[in-house]
N, C-alpha and C. Protein backbone atom coordinates (compact mmCIF):
# COMPACT_ATOMS: atom_id res chain seq x y z
N UNK A 1 47.42 8.48 -3.62
CA UNK A 1 46.16 7.87 -3.45
C UNK A 1 45.93 6.71 -4.35
N UNK A 2 45.52 5.61 -3.82
CA UNK A 2 45.36 4.40 -4.67
C UNK A 2 43.94 4.43 -5.36
N UNK A 3 43.91 3.97 -6.47
CA UNK A 3 42.67 3.93 -7.29
C UNK A 3 41.81 2.76 -6.83
N UNK A 4 40.52 2.90 -6.82
CA UNK A 4 39.60 1.86 -6.44
C UNK A 4 39.17 1.27 -7.74
N UNK A 5 39.32 -0.02 -7.91
CA UNK A 5 38.93 -0.71 -9.10
C UNK A 5 37.42 -1.17 -9.01
N UNK A 6 36.59 -0.71 -9.91
CA UNK A 6 35.20 -1.00 -9.82
C UNK A 6 34.94 -2.51 -10.15
N UNK A 7 34.00 -3.13 -9.56
CA UNK A 7 33.62 -4.58 -9.82
C UNK A 7 32.43 -4.49 -10.70
N UNK A 8 32.42 -5.19 -11.76
CA UNK A 8 31.28 -5.31 -12.73
C UNK A 8 30.66 -6.64 -12.60
N UNK A 9 29.38 -6.72 -12.25
CA UNK A 9 28.67 -8.00 -12.16
C UNK A 9 27.57 -7.98 -13.19
N UNK A 10 27.53 -9.10 -13.95
CA UNK A 10 26.53 -9.16 -15.05
C UNK A 10 25.30 -9.99 -14.66
N UNK A 11 25.33 -10.67 -13.49
CA UNK A 11 24.16 -11.37 -12.99
C UNK A 11 23.93 -11.12 -11.44
N UNK A 12 22.77 -11.30 -11.05
CA UNK A 12 22.50 -11.13 -9.67
C UNK A 12 23.38 -12.05 -8.70
N UNK A 13 23.60 -13.18 -9.17
CA UNK A 13 24.47 -14.14 -8.41
C UNK A 13 25.85 -13.67 -8.33
N UNK A 14 26.35 -13.14 -9.45
CA UNK A 14 27.83 -12.62 -9.31
C UNK A 14 27.90 -11.41 -8.49
N UNK A 15 26.83 -10.57 -8.44
CA UNK A 15 26.82 -9.36 -7.56
C UNK A 15 26.78 -9.82 -6.19
N UNK A 16 25.90 -10.84 -5.78
CA UNK A 16 25.84 -11.29 -4.40
C UNK A 16 27.09 -11.86 -3.96
N UNK A 17 27.83 -12.51 -4.87
CA UNK A 17 29.13 -13.10 -4.48
C UNK A 17 30.17 -11.98 -4.35
N UNK A 18 30.13 -10.87 -5.10
CA UNK A 18 31.03 -9.81 -4.92
C UNK A 18 30.78 -9.05 -3.64
N UNK A 19 29.57 -9.01 -3.24
CA UNK A 19 29.17 -8.36 -1.92
C UNK A 19 29.41 -9.23 -0.71
N UNK A 20 29.73 -10.52 -0.99
CA UNK A 20 30.04 -11.34 0.10
C UNK A 20 28.82 -11.98 0.76
N UNK A 21 27.75 -12.00 0.04
CA UNK A 21 26.45 -12.55 0.62
C UNK A 21 26.54 -14.06 0.62
N UNK A 22 25.93 -14.68 1.62
CA UNK A 22 25.79 -16.12 1.59
C UNK A 22 24.71 -16.46 0.55
N UNK A 23 24.65 -17.75 0.15
CA UNK A 23 23.58 -18.17 -0.88
C UNK A 23 22.21 -17.84 -0.39
N UNK A 24 21.95 -18.11 0.97
CA UNK A 24 20.68 -17.74 1.54
C UNK A 24 20.30 -16.27 1.49
N UNK A 25 21.31 -15.37 1.84
CA UNK A 25 21.12 -13.95 1.81
C UNK A 25 20.90 -13.45 0.38
N UNK A 26 21.64 -14.09 -0.57
CA UNK A 26 21.53 -13.71 -1.96
C UNK A 26 20.16 -14.02 -2.46
N UNK A 27 19.54 -15.16 -2.09
CA UNK A 27 18.16 -15.47 -2.51
C UNK A 27 17.14 -14.48 -1.93
N UNK A 28 17.35 -14.17 -0.67
CA UNK A 28 16.40 -13.15 -0.09
C UNK A 28 16.54 -11.78 -0.72
N UNK A 29 17.83 -11.42 -0.95
CA UNK A 29 18.00 -10.08 -1.57
C UNK A 29 17.38 -10.07 -2.93
N UNK A 30 17.51 -11.15 -3.73
CA UNK A 30 16.98 -11.18 -5.12
C UNK A 30 15.39 -11.10 -5.04
N UNK A 31 14.87 -11.85 -4.18
CA UNK A 31 13.34 -11.78 -3.98
C UNK A 31 12.87 -10.42 -3.63
N UNK A 32 13.54 -9.74 -2.67
CA UNK A 32 13.08 -8.38 -2.19
C UNK A 32 13.28 -7.43 -3.40
N UNK A 33 14.28 -7.59 -4.16
CA UNK A 33 14.48 -6.59 -5.34
C UNK A 33 13.53 -6.81 -6.45
N UNK A 34 13.10 -8.12 -6.59
CA UNK A 34 11.99 -8.33 -7.62
C UNK A 34 10.70 -7.73 -7.11
N UNK A 35 10.39 -7.84 -5.81
CA UNK A 35 9.15 -7.21 -5.34
C UNK A 35 9.23 -5.71 -5.28
N UNK A 36 10.41 -5.09 -5.04
CA UNK A 36 10.49 -3.66 -5.11
C UNK A 36 10.39 -3.20 -6.57
N UNK A 37 10.95 -3.84 -7.49
CA UNK A 37 10.88 -3.42 -8.85
C UNK A 37 9.39 -3.37 -9.33
N UNK A 38 8.72 -4.42 -9.00
CA UNK A 38 7.23 -4.48 -9.31
C UNK A 38 6.51 -3.36 -8.51
N UNK A 39 6.78 -3.10 -7.34
CA UNK A 39 6.07 -2.03 -6.53
C UNK A 39 6.40 -0.68 -7.19
N UNK A 40 7.65 -0.46 -7.66
CA UNK A 40 8.04 0.87 -8.36
C UNK A 40 7.19 0.96 -9.65
N UNK A 41 7.09 -0.15 -10.44
CA UNK A 41 6.31 -0.11 -11.64
C UNK A 41 4.90 0.15 -11.49
N UNK A 42 4.30 -0.39 -10.40
CA UNK A 42 2.94 -0.09 -10.03
C UNK A 42 2.80 1.37 -9.62
N UNK A 43 3.62 1.84 -8.73
CA UNK A 43 3.45 3.20 -8.30
C UNK A 43 3.57 4.14 -9.45
N UNK A 44 4.52 3.88 -10.31
CA UNK A 44 4.67 4.77 -11.46
C UNK A 44 3.48 4.77 -12.37
N UNK A 45 3.03 3.59 -12.74
CA UNK A 45 1.91 3.43 -13.67
C UNK A 45 0.59 4.01 -13.15
N UNK A 46 0.40 3.83 -11.82
CA UNK A 46 -0.80 4.37 -11.21
C UNK A 46 -0.62 5.79 -10.65
N UNK A 47 0.51 6.33 -10.78
CA UNK A 47 0.87 7.72 -10.37
C UNK A 47 0.55 7.86 -8.87
N UNK A 48 0.89 6.90 -8.10
CA UNK A 48 0.66 6.89 -6.62
C UNK A 48 1.84 7.60 -5.90
N UNK A 49 1.44 8.47 -4.98
CA UNK A 49 2.38 9.09 -4.16
C UNK A 49 2.88 8.13 -3.03
N UNK A 50 3.99 8.47 -2.46
CA UNK A 50 4.53 7.60 -1.37
C UNK A 50 3.51 7.75 -0.20
N UNK A 51 2.93 8.83 0.07
CA UNK A 51 1.88 8.99 1.12
C UNK A 51 0.66 8.03 0.86
N UNK A 52 0.20 8.06 -0.43
CA UNK A 52 -0.88 7.23 -0.72
C UNK A 52 -0.64 5.76 -0.49
N UNK A 53 0.53 5.31 -0.92
CA UNK A 53 0.90 3.88 -0.80
C UNK A 53 1.01 3.61 0.74
N UNK A 54 1.61 4.50 1.45
CA UNK A 54 1.74 4.23 2.89
C UNK A 54 0.37 4.11 3.64
N UNK A 55 -0.61 5.06 3.22
CA UNK A 55 -1.84 5.00 3.78
C UNK A 55 -2.67 3.68 3.48
N UNK A 56 -2.50 3.23 2.23
CA UNK A 56 -3.19 1.98 1.85
C UNK A 56 -2.52 0.80 2.62
N UNK A 57 -1.23 0.83 2.81
CA UNK A 57 -0.49 -0.29 3.38
C UNK A 57 -0.44 -0.25 4.86
N UNK A 58 -0.87 0.87 5.48
CA UNK A 58 -0.80 1.00 6.99
C UNK A 58 0.69 1.03 7.48
N UNK A 59 1.43 1.72 6.72
CA UNK A 59 2.88 1.91 7.15
C UNK A 59 3.15 3.44 6.99
N UNK A 60 4.41 3.87 7.26
CA UNK A 60 4.79 5.26 7.24
C UNK A 60 5.33 5.63 5.78
N UNK A 61 5.07 6.94 5.50
CA UNK A 61 5.51 7.41 4.20
C UNK A 61 7.07 7.41 4.12
N UNK A 62 7.72 7.57 5.27
CA UNK A 62 9.22 7.51 5.31
C UNK A 62 9.71 6.15 4.94
N UNK A 63 8.96 5.10 5.46
CA UNK A 63 9.34 3.70 5.15
C UNK A 63 9.04 3.36 3.63
N UNK A 64 7.95 3.84 3.16
CA UNK A 64 7.71 3.64 1.75
C UNK A 64 8.75 4.35 0.84
N UNK A 65 9.14 5.57 1.20
CA UNK A 65 10.15 6.28 0.49
C UNK A 65 11.49 5.51 0.47
N UNK A 66 11.86 4.98 1.67
CA UNK A 66 13.13 4.18 1.79
C UNK A 66 13.05 2.92 0.87
N UNK A 67 11.83 2.27 0.86
CA UNK A 67 11.70 1.09 0.11
C UNK A 67 11.82 1.42 -1.39
N UNK A 68 11.15 2.47 -1.81
CA UNK A 68 11.17 2.83 -3.28
C UNK A 68 12.57 3.40 -3.70
N UNK A 69 13.36 3.80 -2.70
CA UNK A 69 14.78 4.09 -2.97
C UNK A 69 15.69 2.94 -2.91
N UNK A 70 15.08 1.79 -2.68
CA UNK A 70 15.84 0.47 -2.57
C UNK A 70 16.69 0.45 -1.30
N UNK A 71 16.26 1.14 -0.27
CA UNK A 71 16.94 0.99 0.97
C UNK A 71 16.14 -0.07 1.83
N UNK A 72 16.68 -1.35 1.71
CA UNK A 72 15.89 -2.46 2.27
C UNK A 72 16.52 -3.06 3.54
N UNK A 73 17.47 -2.28 4.16
CA UNK A 73 18.17 -2.88 5.29
C UNK A 73 17.23 -3.33 6.41
N UNK A 74 16.23 -2.63 6.71
CA UNK A 74 15.34 -3.07 7.78
C UNK A 74 13.95 -3.24 7.34
N UNK A 75 13.88 -3.89 6.13
CA UNK A 75 12.54 -4.11 5.50
C UNK A 75 12.36 -5.64 5.36
N UNK A 76 11.31 -6.15 5.76
CA UNK A 76 11.10 -7.61 5.65
C UNK A 76 10.36 -7.90 4.27
N UNK A 77 10.51 -9.08 3.87
CA UNK A 77 9.79 -9.51 2.68
C UNK A 77 8.25 -9.41 2.88
N UNK A 78 7.90 -9.76 4.12
CA UNK A 78 6.49 -9.74 4.57
C UNK A 78 5.85 -8.28 4.29
N UNK A 79 6.63 -7.31 4.65
CA UNK A 79 6.17 -5.97 4.42
C UNK A 79 6.00 -5.65 2.98
N UNK A 80 6.85 -6.04 2.15
CA UNK A 80 6.81 -5.85 0.68
C UNK A 80 5.55 -6.56 0.14
N UNK A 81 5.21 -7.71 0.66
CA UNK A 81 4.14 -8.52 0.19
C UNK A 81 2.82 -7.79 0.61
N UNK A 82 2.85 -7.29 1.92
CA UNK A 82 1.66 -6.59 2.40
C UNK A 82 1.39 -5.24 1.66
N UNK A 83 2.43 -4.58 1.28
CA UNK A 83 2.22 -3.32 0.49
C UNK A 83 1.63 -3.67 -0.86
N UNK A 84 2.22 -4.68 -1.55
CA UNK A 84 1.73 -4.99 -2.86
C UNK A 84 0.21 -5.54 -2.78
N UNK A 85 -0.09 -6.30 -1.69
CA UNK A 85 -1.49 -6.68 -1.46
C UNK A 85 -2.39 -5.56 -1.26
N UNK A 86 -1.91 -4.56 -0.56
CA UNK A 86 -2.79 -3.42 -0.27
C UNK A 86 -3.09 -2.60 -1.49
N UNK A 87 -2.28 -2.79 -2.51
CA UNK A 87 -2.48 -2.13 -3.83
C UNK A 87 -3.30 -3.11 -4.79
N UNK A 88 -3.66 -4.17 -4.29
CA UNK A 88 -4.50 -5.13 -5.08
C UNK A 88 -3.85 -6.15 -5.90
N UNK A 89 -2.53 -6.44 -5.47
CA UNK A 89 -1.81 -7.41 -6.19
C UNK A 89 -1.54 -8.63 -5.27
N UNK A 90 -1.45 -9.81 -5.87
CA UNK A 90 -1.15 -11.00 -5.07
C UNK A 90 0.27 -11.41 -5.59
N UNK A 91 1.03 -11.88 -4.62
CA UNK A 91 2.43 -12.24 -4.80
C UNK A 91 2.40 -13.74 -4.99
N UNK A 92 3.06 -14.32 -5.94
CA UNK A 92 3.13 -15.71 -6.14
C UNK A 92 4.54 -16.15 -6.10
N UNK A 93 4.91 -17.17 -5.32
CA UNK A 93 6.27 -17.62 -5.21
C UNK A 93 6.44 -18.99 -5.82
N UNK A 94 7.60 -19.12 -6.53
CA UNK A 94 7.84 -20.48 -7.17
C UNK A 94 9.11 -20.99 -6.46
N UNK A 95 9.02 -22.32 -6.05
CA UNK A 95 10.08 -22.96 -5.34
C UNK A 95 10.57 -24.06 -6.21
N UNK A 96 11.88 -24.13 -6.42
CA UNK A 96 12.49 -25.13 -7.28
C UNK A 96 13.83 -25.58 -6.66
N UNK A 97 14.22 -26.68 -6.98
CA UNK A 97 15.55 -27.24 -6.51
C UNK A 97 16.72 -26.37 -7.12
N UNK A 98 17.53 -25.95 -6.24
CA UNK A 98 18.78 -25.21 -6.70
C UNK A 98 19.63 -26.07 -7.58
N UNK A 99 20.26 -25.47 -8.52
CA UNK A 99 21.23 -26.19 -9.47
C UNK A 99 22.43 -26.51 -8.61
N UNK A 100 23.03 -27.69 -8.81
CA UNK A 100 24.18 -28.06 -8.09
C UNK A 100 25.35 -27.19 -8.50
N UNK A 101 26.24 -26.75 -7.49
CA UNK A 101 27.30 -25.86 -7.91
C UNK A 101 28.52 -26.60 -8.34
């Protein structure tokens, strides 16, 4: 049986490259993960249940559970923004020119 060599990535960019994501997919992935991290912090600090978050956001508890477990395969950035807004937070986006490769 052959050994599987782990890949270690020290930055989100190198992880996206290792996963074979395009630059556009990598940016979307990074944005979603920043939003999920903030959502997890809010849920933890306010001691909110998945059901409470779902009720406030108008989505299902199952979907909230998947999001908080970082299963974002069928989750839009819009939904993450809507959930954060339902908890009383405003999402602010910064746009800047990408560095030349």
